[in-house]
């Protein structure tokens, strides 16, 4: 059990700051502005970076990102994935802990029944 508790503590310690978590996807699109003399009319277009988030009601929100914010937003989205992965890891560890605790309870119940010759009232 101690091994599982240590794993759980390590998983929690390795997390980035919760305040820097952002759910979404960073997307790069190439848009054409429509001006006939603009370079975008003949090449790949203007590069625009967005944060795209699907909201609970199914709607999608897109926020355009200035160049200076792109690395920050990418880090925050990465932090979200790290938190999500850690939640799954801790949840798996907690399931293992639950199994161990359940086995100890069953063993304790069997021992109690063996001494008294009958089942305990909690069984």
Protein backbone atom coordinates (compact mmCIF):
# COMPACT_ATOMS: atom_id res chain seq x y z
CA UNK A 1 0.00 0.00 0.00
CA UNK A 2 2.89 2.37 0.80
CA UNK A 3 4.21 1.95 -2.74
CA UNK A 4 0.86 3.07 -4.18
CA UNK A 5 0.66 6.07 -1.83
CA UNK A 6 4.19 7.11 -2.86
CA UNK A 7 3.27 6.83 -6.55
CA UNK A 8 0.20 8.95 -5.95
CA UNK A 9 2.22 11.65 -4.14
CA UNK A 10 4.82 11.72 -6.94
CA UNK A 11 2.09 12.12 -9.57
CA UNK A 12 0.63 15.09 -7.70
CA UNK A 13 4.03 16.75 -7.11
CA UNK A 14 4.95 16.70 -10.80
CA UNK A 15 1.97 18.78 -11.91
CA UNK A 16 2.30 22.27 -13.40
CA UNK A 17 0.51 25.17 -11.64
CA UNK A 18 -3.26 24.74 -11.71
CA UNK A 19 -3.66 28.43 -12.53
CA UNK A 20 -1.91 27.78 -15.86
CA UNK A 21 -4.33 25.18 -17.23
CA UNK A 22 -6.33 25.80 -20.40
CA UNK A 23 -8.55 23.32 -22.25
CA UNK A 24 -8.59 23.70 -26.00
CA UNK A 25 -6.61 23.23 -29.19
CA UNK A 26 -4.19 25.64 -30.81
CA UNK A 27 -4.93 25.82 -34.54
CA UNK A 28 -3.11 27.57 -37.36
CA UNK A 29 -5.14 28.69 -40.36
CA UNK A 30 -4.24 30.54 -43.52
CA UNK A 31 -6.75 33.18 -44.54
CA UNK A 32 -7.12 35.41 -47.55
CA UNK A 33 -8.05 39.01 -46.81
CA UNK A 34 -9.69 39.63 -50.18
CA UNK A 35 -7.57 42.62 -51.24
CA UNK A 36 -6.64 42.11 -54.91
CA UNK A 37 -3.06 43.39 -54.53
CA UNK A 38 -2.24 41.46 -51.34
CA UNK A 39 0.30 38.63 -51.39
CA UNK A 40 -2.32 36.31 -49.90
CA UNK A 41 -4.18 36.25 -53.21
CA UNK A 42 -1.38 34.26 -54.82
CA UNK A 43 0.32 32.34 -51.99
CA UNK A 44 -0.85 30.43 -48.92
CA UNK A 45 -2.49 33.40 -47.19
CA UNK A 46 -2.13 35.18 -43.87
CA UNK A 47 -1.14 32.87 -41.03
CA UNK A 48 -3.56 33.20 -38.11
CA UNK A 49 -3.33 31.22 -34.86
CA UNK A 50 -6.44 30.45 -32.78
CA UNK A 51 -7.40 28.74 -29.59
CA UNK A 52 -10.42 26.57 -30.33
CA UNK A 53 -12.61 25.31 -27.47
CA UNK A 54 -15.76 23.22 -27.65
CA UNK A 55 -18.10 24.38 -24.91
CA UNK A 56 -20.51 22.27 -22.85
CA UNK A 57 -23.47 23.24 -25.04
CA UNK A 58 -21.66 21.96 -28.15
CA UNK A 59 -20.77 25.38 -29.49
CA UNK A 60 -17.21 26.14 -30.52
CA UNK A 61 -15.40 29.26 -29.41
CA UNK A 62 -12.34 30.48 -31.29
CA UNK A 63 -10.04 33.14 -29.92
CA UNK A 64 -7.42 34.61 -32.24
CA UNK A 65 -3.98 34.75 -30.65
CA UNK A 66 -1.38 37.46 -31.11
CA UNK A 67 2.05 36.02 -31.93
CA UNK A 68 3.38 36.88 -28.45
CA UNK A 69 0.67 34.79 -26.72
CA UNK A 70 1.04 31.63 -28.83
CA UNK A 71 3.84 30.07 -26.70
CA UNK A 72 1.97 30.86 -23.46
CA UNK A 73 -1.28 29.35 -24.74
CA UNK A 74 0.52 26.25 -26.04
CA UNK A 75 2.15 25.78 -22.62
CA UNK A 76 -1.20 26.19 -20.84
CA UNK A 77 -2.89 23.68 -23.17
CA UNK A 78 0.03 21.29 -22.54
CA UNK A 79 -0.48 21.80 -18.80
CA UNK A 80 -4.13 20.84 -19.23
CA UNK A 81 -3.09 17.57 -20.86
CA UNK A 82 -0.58 16.93 -18.04
CA UNK A 83 -3.34 17.47 -15.43
CA UNK A 84 -5.75 15.24 -17.32
CA UNK A 85 -3.13 12.48 -17.59
CA UNK A 86 -2.33 12.84 -13.87
CA UNK A 87 -6.02 12.58 -12.93
CA UNK A 88 -6.25 9.30 -14.85
CA UNK A 89 -3.03 8.03 -13.23
CA UNK A 90 -4.14 8.96 -9.70
CA UNK A 91 -7.57 7.45 -10.36
CA UNK A 92 -5.93 4.16 -11.41
CA UNK A 93 -3.74 4.21 -8.28
CA UNK A 94 -6.81 4.89 -6.13
CA UNK A 95 -8.60 1.92 -7.69
CA UNK A 96 -5.61 -0.26 -6.75
CA UNK A 97 -5.68 1.18 -3.21
CA UNK A 98 -9.39 0.44 -3.00
CA UNK A 99 -8.79 -3.17 -4.06
CA UNK A 100 -6.09 -3.56 -1.39
CA UNK A 101 -8.28 -2.01 1.31
CA UNK A 102 -11.21 -4.21 0.26
CA UNK A 103 -9.01 -7.31 0.49
CA UNK A 104 -7.85 -6.30 3.99
CA UNK A 105 -11.47 -5.77 5.10
CA UNK A 106 -12.47 -9.17 3.76
CA UNK A 107 -9.52 -10.78 5.49
CA UNK A 108 -10.41 -9.00 8.75
CA UNK A 109 -14.05 -10.15 8.40
CA UNK A 110 -12.97 -13.75 7.83
CA UNK A 111 -10.70 -13.62 10.89
CA UNK A 112 -13.53 -12.22 13.03
CA UNK A 113 -15.90 -14.93 11.82
CA UNK A 114 -13.32 -17.62 12.47
CA UNK A 115 -12.90 -16.56 16.10
CA UNK A 116 -16.60 -16.26 16.91
CA UNK A 117 -17.82 -19.07 14.75
CA UNK A 118 -20.44 -16.92 13.07
CA UNK A 119 -20.74 -13.96 10.78
CA UNK A 120 -20.23 -10.44 12.06
CA UNK A 121 -23.34 -8.17 12.05
CA UNK A 122 -21.84 -5.99 9.28
CA UNK A 123 -21.65 -8.82 6.76
